[in-house]
Amino acid sequence: MALSTDARWPRAGDWPAPAGERVDLGVIGIPTWRTSLSATGSAATPAAVRAALRYYSEFLSPDRAVRDGGQLSLSAADWGDIQEPDVAHDAAIAAVAAAAEFSRVLVALGGDNAATVPAALGAWGSRIGTAGLVTLDAHHDLRDGVSNGSPVRRLIEAGLAGNRVVQVGIADFANSAEYTARAADYGVTVIHRDELHRRPMADVMAEAFEIAGAAGGPVHVDIDVDVCDRSVAPACPAAIPGGISAWELRAAARLVGAHPAAESVDFVEVDSTADSADGRTVRLVALCVLETAAGLETRQ
């Protein structure tokens, strides 16, 4: 169905291709799917999120706005989709690095969670020794092998310090004793799903950034949308009942955009081909992209 046209209601997401100039917000698609532990059509998700952005404006309510008038005013560019990292791993990292160089904050649209590896490595480059990682995820992602269940382990093995990894939203009945022990051995900080019932998201994310950014390096944030309750993220194969709300995920995304240490963020584990008829999961991711942009506008 074609969307309405109204000059007084401009739509979000019409971001140009890069023009060789640095922008505030860069967007890049990383269509990973080949090593997923479950069947997925996640390669189609970056394009679906771009289309979903068109359902929204770039205007915030006056009491939530950063600038006078409420309109987002940052510069943005869309780098398109890169070649699948499972086919060309090094080329994918190089493509992300090129986009990150010209972006104050780079937003990577997955793809399954395997996208986190090239997203983080490309954004960090040679700074991995001081880098940090924050994940919003129901799972540790420390599995053996190469899959969407192993990105955190792979990044640690590549040189990321385990004690600068913070995992927010880890859930019961979504992990194993062995991989939980591995997280402890690595020195990973775990903030369980239940803690989010007692603590504001702003408090949790402030702690996460303090730990992940302790060495003064760049922080990558991996937002695995299956941290959400399955009712709001039906397109996430591993989402479980009892996850966080859509509002909590949006709040976290805005906090990521606002934090000066966050140079890159990914949104992953959404299979747009399996979404509900109303497209609620993909639309949530699109809103989180805009929330990241809104947070970025608050930076000095």
Protein backbone atom coordinates (compact mmCIF):
# COMPACT_ATOMS: atom_id res chain seq x y z
CA MET A 1 0.00 0.00 0.00
CA ALA A 2 1.40 3.39 -0.98
CA LEU A 3 1.96 5.82 1.86
CA SER A 4 0.25 9.20 1.80
CA THR A 5 2.13 12.31 0.77
CA ASP A 6 1.88 15.49 2.84
CA ALA A 7 4.41 18.31 2.60
CA ARG A 8 3.53 19.28 6.18
CA TRP A 9 4.32 15.74 7.46
CA PRO A 10 7.77 14.78 6.12
CA ARG A 11 8.68 11.13 6.60
CA ALA A 12 11.80 9.71 8.19
CA GLY A 13 14.44 7.62 6.49
CA ASP A 14 15.07 9.42 3.23
CA TRP A 15 18.76 9.54 3.98
CA PRO A 16 21.16 10.02 1.07
CA ALA A 17 24.08 7.85 0.07
CA PRO A 18 27.41 8.99 1.56
CA ALA A 19 29.08 11.90 -0.21
CA GLY A 20 32.57 11.72 1.27
CA GLU A 21 31.73 14.01 4.18
CA ARG A 22 31.45 13.11 7.84
CA VAL A 23 27.87 12.78 9.12
CA ASP A 24 26.33 12.47 12.55
CA LEU A 25 24.46 9.23 11.86
CA GLY A 26 25.55 6.56 9.42
CA VAL A 27 23.40 3.52 8.57
CA ILE A 28 24.72 0.28 7.09
CA GLY A 29 23.08 -3.09 6.44
CA ILE A 30 24.82 -6.34 7.41
CA PRO A 31 22.58 -9.13 6.03
CA THR A 32 23.92 -12.14 7.97
CA TRP A 33 21.92 -15.38 7.98
CA ARG A 34 24.04 -18.34 6.81
CA THR A 35 25.31 -19.52 10.20
CA SER A 36 22.09 -19.00 12.13
CA LEU A 37 21.20 -21.73 14.63
CA SER A 38 17.59 -21.54 13.43
CA ALA A 39 16.13 -21.05 9.98
CA THR A 40 15.89 -17.35 9.24
CA GLY A 41 15.18 -14.83 6.54
CA SER A 42 17.12 -12.13 8.40
CA ALA A 43 19.02 -11.09 5.26
CA ALA A 44 15.86 -9.26 4.23
CA THR A 45 15.64 -7.25 7.44
CA PRO A 46 17.88 -4.24 6.64
CA ALA A 47 15.69 -3.35 3.67
CA ALA A 48 12.54 -3.93 5.73
CA VAL A 49 13.74 -1.57 8.47
CA ARG A 50 14.52 1.12 5.92
CA ALA A 51 10.99 0.77 4.54
CA ALA A 52 9.52 0.88 8.05
CA LEU A 53 11.27 4.18 8.80
CA ARG A 54 8.90 5.72 6.28
CA TYR A 55 5.99 5.15 8.68
CA TYR A 56 7.48 7.72 11.05
CA SER A 57 8.45 11.37 11.06
CA GLU A 58 11.62 12.93 12.48
CA PHE A 59 9.63 15.12 14.85
CA LEU A 60 9.60 14.73 18.64
CA SER A 61 6.94 15.97 21.03
CA PRO A 62 7.88 19.46 22.31
CA ASP A 63 8.49 18.25 25.86
CA ARG A 64 10.84 15.51 24.54
CA ALA A 65 12.60 17.54 21.88
CA VAL A 66 16.28 18.40 21.89
CA ARG A 67 16.12 21.36 19.52
CA ASP A 68 13.62 24.18 19.32
CA GLY A 69 10.73 23.07 17.20
CA GLY A 70 11.19 19.38 17.89
CA GLN A 71 12.62 18.41 14.50
CA LEU A 72 15.71 16.19 14.32
CA SER A 73 18.41 18.22 12.63
CA LEU A 74 21.41 15.91 12.50
CA SER A 75 23.06 14.84 9.26
CA ALA A 76 22.68 11.24 8.13
CA ALA A 77 23.81 8.94 5.33
CA ASP A 78 22.92 5.40 4.30
CA TRP A 79 25.79 3.18 3.15
CA GLY A 80 23.49 0.47 1.85
CA ASP A 81 24.07 -3.23 2.49
CA ILE A 82 27.53 -4.75 2.53
CA GLN A 83 28.52 -8.15 1.19
CA GLU A 84 27.60 -10.99 3.53
CA PRO A 85 30.35 -11.42 6.15
CA ASP A 86 29.88 -15.20 6.01
CA VAL A 87 31.07 -15.03 2.39
CA ALA A 88 33.64 -12.21 2.67
CA HIS A 89 34.55 -11.64 6.34
CA ASP A 90 37.52 -9.31 5.89
CA ALA A 91 35.80 -7.28 3.19
CA ALA A 92 32.79 -6.82 5.46
CA ILE A 93 34.95 -5.51 8.30
CA ALA A 94 36.68 -3.11 5.89
CA ALA A 95 33.32 -1.84 4.60
CA VAL A 96 32.10 -1.18 8.14
CA ALA A 97 35.38 0.58 8.97
CA ALA A 98 34.98 2.86 5.96
CA ALA A 99 31.45 3.80 7.03
CA ALA A 100 32.47 4.28 10.67
CA GLU A 101 35.26 6.67 9.67
CA PHE A 102 32.67 9.04 8.24
CA SER A 103 29.99 8.57 10.94
CA ARG A 104 29.86 10.01 14.43
CA VAL A 105 27.65 7.03 15.30
CA LEU A 106 27.25 4.07 12.95
CA VAL A 107 24.00 2.09 13.10
CA ALA A 108 24.29 -1.44 11.69
CA LEU A 109 21.08 -3.20 10.67
CA GLY A 110 21.26 -6.99 10.83
CA GLY A 111 20.90 -9.74 9.90
CA ASP A 112 21.25 -12.25 12.68
CA ASN A 113 23.59 -11.76 15.62
CA ALA A 114 26.63 -12.82 13.58
CA ALA A 115 26.51 -9.24 12.25
CA THR A 116 27.89 -8.03 15.58
CA VAL A 117 31.38 -9.35 14.79
CA PRO A 118 32.07 -7.28 11.65
CA ALA A 119 30.10 -4.35 13.08
CA ALA A 120 32.24 -4.14 16.20
CA LEU A 121 35.58 -5.04 14.62
CA GLY A 122 35.04 -2.56 11.79
CA ALA A 123 34.07 0.26 14.14
CA TRP A 124 36.92 -0.41 16.59
CA GLY A 125 39.70 -1.06 14.12
CA SER A 126 43.07 -1.08 15.86
CA ARG A 127 41.49 0.18 19.11
CA ILE A 128 40.14 -3.22 20.18
CA GLY A 129 42.61 -3.24 23.09
CA THR A 130 40.72 -0.40 24.78
CA ALA A 131 37.25 -1.13 23.37
CA GLY A 132 34.16 -2.18 25.28
CA LEU A 133 30.96 -4.05 24.44
CA VAL A 134 27.45 -3.67 25.83
CA THR A 135 24.83 -6.20 24.79
CA LEU A 136 21.09 -6.11 25.33
CA ASP A 137 20.28 -9.77 24.91
CA ALA A 138 18.53 -12.67 26.58
CA HIS A 139 21.54 -14.86 25.69
CA HIS A 140 25.27 -14.84 26.45
CA ASP A 141 26.28 -15.56 22.83
CA LEU A 142 29.41 -17.37 23.97
CA ARG A 143 28.79 -20.65 22.15
CA ASP A 144 31.53 -22.66 20.49
CA GLY A 145 31.91 -22.45 16.71
CA VAL A 146 30.78 -19.73 14.34
CA SER A 147 27.10 -18.86 14.46
CA ASN A 148 24.68 -16.20 15.62
CA GLY A 149 25.20 -17.71 19.08
CA SER A 150 28.95 -17.00 19.24
CA PRO A 151 29.68 -13.30 18.51
CA VAL A 152 30.69 -12.30 22.03
CA ARG A 153 33.11 -15.21 22.35
CA ARG A 154 34.58 -14.45 18.93
CA LEU A 155 35.14 -10.80 19.84
CA ILE A 156 36.86 -11.75 23.10
CA GLU A 157 39.07 -14.20 21.25
CA ALA A 158 39.89 -11.41 18.78
CA GLY A 159 41.26 -9.26 21.62
CA LEU A 160 38.32 -7.66 23.43
CA ALA A 161 38.80 -7.74 27.21
CA GLY A 162 36.09 -9.84 28.85
CA ASN A 163 35.92 -7.52 31.84
CA ARG A 164 34.78 -4.72 29.52
CA VAL A 165 31.75 -6.70 28.33
CA VAL A 166 28.39 -5.97 29.96
CA GLN A 167 25.33 -8.05 29.15
CA VAL A 168 21.93 -6.55 29.95
CA GLY A 169 18.74 -8.62 29.97
CA ILE A 170 20.16 -12.13 30.33
CA ALA A 171 17.17 -14.39 30.95
CA ASP A 172 16.38 -17.60 32.78
CA PHE A 173 15.85 -20.73 30.66
CA ALA A 174 17.69 -19.08 27.74
CA ASN A 175 21.27 -20.16 28.48
CA SER A 176 23.24 -23.12 29.83
CA ALA A 177 25.34 -23.74 32.93
CA GLU A 178 28.51 -24.13 30.87
CA TYR A 179 28.16 -20.90 28.93
CA THR A 180 27.14 -19.03 32.08
CA ALA A 181 30.33 -20.30 33.70
CA ARG A 182 32.26 -19.17 30.62
CA ALA A 183 30.86 -15.64 31.03
CA ALA A 184 32.08 -15.63 34.63
CA ASP A 185 35.51 -16.94 33.59
CA TYR A 186 35.82 -14.15 31.02
CA GLY A 187 34.90 -11.54 33.65
CA VAL A 188 31.70 -10.50 31.87
CA THR A 189 29.31 -8.34 33.89
CA VAL A 190 25.79 -9.76 33.75
CA ILE A 191 22.70 -7.68 34.53
CA HIS A 192 19.84 -10.16 34.70
CA ARG A 193 16.43 -9.51 33.23
CA ASP A 194 14.91 -9.42 36.72
CA GLU A 195 17.13 -6.49 37.74
CA LEU A 196 15.39 -4.39 35.11
CA HIS A 197 12.18 -4.66 37.13
CA ARG A 198 13.90 -2.90 40.03
CA ARG A 199 16.23 -0.45 38.31
CA PRO A 200 15.58 2.32 35.78
CA MET A 201 17.03 1.68 32.33
CA ALA A 202 19.04 4.91 32.62
CA ASP A 203 20.77 3.59 35.75
CA VAL A 204 21.52 0.23 34.16
CA MET A 205 22.94 1.73 30.97
CA ALA A 206 25.05 4.22 32.91
CA GLU A 207 26.63 1.31 34.79
CA ALA A 208 27.13 -0.62 31.58
CA PHE A 209 28.93 2.26 29.87
CA GLU A 210 31.08 2.92 32.93
CA ILE A 211 32.35 -0.67 32.85
CA ALA A 212 32.60 -1.08 29.08
CA GLY A 213 34.30 2.30 28.66
CA ALA A 214 36.71 1.91 31.58
CA ALA A 215 39.78 1.91 29.31
CA GLY A 216 38.67 5.06 27.51
CA GLY A 217 38.12 3.34 24.17
CA PRO A 218 35.11 3.09 21.87
CA VAL A 219 32.03 1.13 22.96
CA HIS A 220 29.94 -0.94 20.58
CA VAL A 221 26.38 -1.73 21.62
CA ASP A 222 24.77 -4.93 20.39
CA ILE A 223 20.98 -4.72 20.63
CA ASP A 224 19.64 -8.20 20.07
CA VAL A 225 15.93 -7.55 19.77
CA ASP A 226 15.12 -10.97 21.24
CA VAL A 227 15.80 -9.34 24.62
CA CYS A 228 12.20 -8.14 24.21
CA ASP A 229 9.05 -9.93 25.23
CA ARG A 230 7.90 -12.22 22.46
CA SER A 231 4.61 -10.34 22.17
CA VAL A 232 6.40 -7.23 20.90
CA ALA A 233 9.07 -9.06 18.88
CA PRO A 234 7.41 -12.01 17.12
CA ALA A 235 10.00 -11.82 14.31
CA CYS A 236 12.79 -12.78 16.75
CA PRO A 237 13.07 -16.59 16.68
CA ALA A 238 14.59 -16.83 20.17
CA ALA A 239 12.49 -14.19 21.96
CA ILE A 240 10.76 -15.55 25.05
CA PRO A 241 7.74 -14.44 27.10
CA GLY A 242 8.82 -12.15 29.90
CA GLY A 243 11.42 -10.12 28.02
CA ILE A 244 11.67 -6.35 28.18
CA SER A 245 9.02 -4.06 26.74
CA ALA A 246 9.15 -2.08 23.52
CA TRP A 247 9.31 1.11 25.59
CA GLU A 248 12.34 -0.18 27.51
CA LEU A 249 14.15 -1.04 24.28
CA ARG A 250 13.42 2.40 22.85
CA ALA A 251 14.66 4.04 26.04
CA ALA A 252 17.88 2.01 25.86
CA ALA A 253 18.43 3.01 22.23
CA ARG A 254 18.08 6.70 23.08
CA LEU A 255 20.56 6.31 25.95
CA VAL A 256 23.01 4.66 23.55
CA GLY A 257 22.74 7.58 21.16
CA ALA A 258 23.32 10.03 23.98
CA HIS A 259 26.45 8.45 25.44
CA PRO A 260 29.74 9.89 24.12
CA ALA A 261 31.56 6.55 24.27
CA ALA A 262 29.08 4.80 21.97
CA GLU A 263 30.46 4.98 18.42
CA SER A 264 28.47 2.10 16.93
CA VAL A 265 25.35 0.07 17.58
CA ASP A 266 23.71 -2.87 15.87
CA PHE A 267 20.13 -4.10 15.81
CA VAL A 268 20.03 -7.83 15.12
CA GLU A 269 18.17 -11.14 15.33
CA VAL A 270 15.06 -9.94 13.52
CA ASP A 271 13.67 -12.05 10.69
CA SER A 272 11.44 -9.63 8.82
CA THR A 273 9.98 -12.47 6.75
CA ALA A 274 8.52 -13.99 9.92
CA ASP A 275 7.08 -10.80 11.41
CA SER A 276 3.44 -10.42 12.36
CA ALA A 277 1.04 -9.00 9.81
CA ASP A 278 1.32 -5.54 11.37
CA GLY A 279 5.13 -5.60 11.10
CA ARG A 280 5.52 -4.75 14.78
CA THR A 281 9.08 -6.05 15.21
CA VAL A 282 10.52 -4.28 12.19
CA ARG A 283 8.66 -1.10 13.11
CA LEU A 284 10.15 -1.30 16.62
CA VAL A 285 13.66 -1.50 15.18
CA ALA A 286 12.95 1.50 12.95
CA LEU A 287 11.80 3.46 16.00
CA CYS A 288 14.98 2.45 17.82
CA VAL A 289 17.06 3.85 14.97
CA LEU A 290 15.22 7.15 15.40
CA GLU A 291 15.63 6.99 19.18
CA THR A 292 19.38 6.55 18.67
CA ALA A 293 19.36 9.65 16.47
CA ALA A 294 17.38 11.59 19.09
CA GLY A 295 19.88 10.59 21.77
CA LEU A 296 22.77 11.63 19.54
CA GLU A 297 21.33 15.12 19.25
CA THR A 298 21.71 15.56 23.01
CA ARG A 299 25.48 15.13 22.87
CA GLN A 300 27.54 18.26 23.33
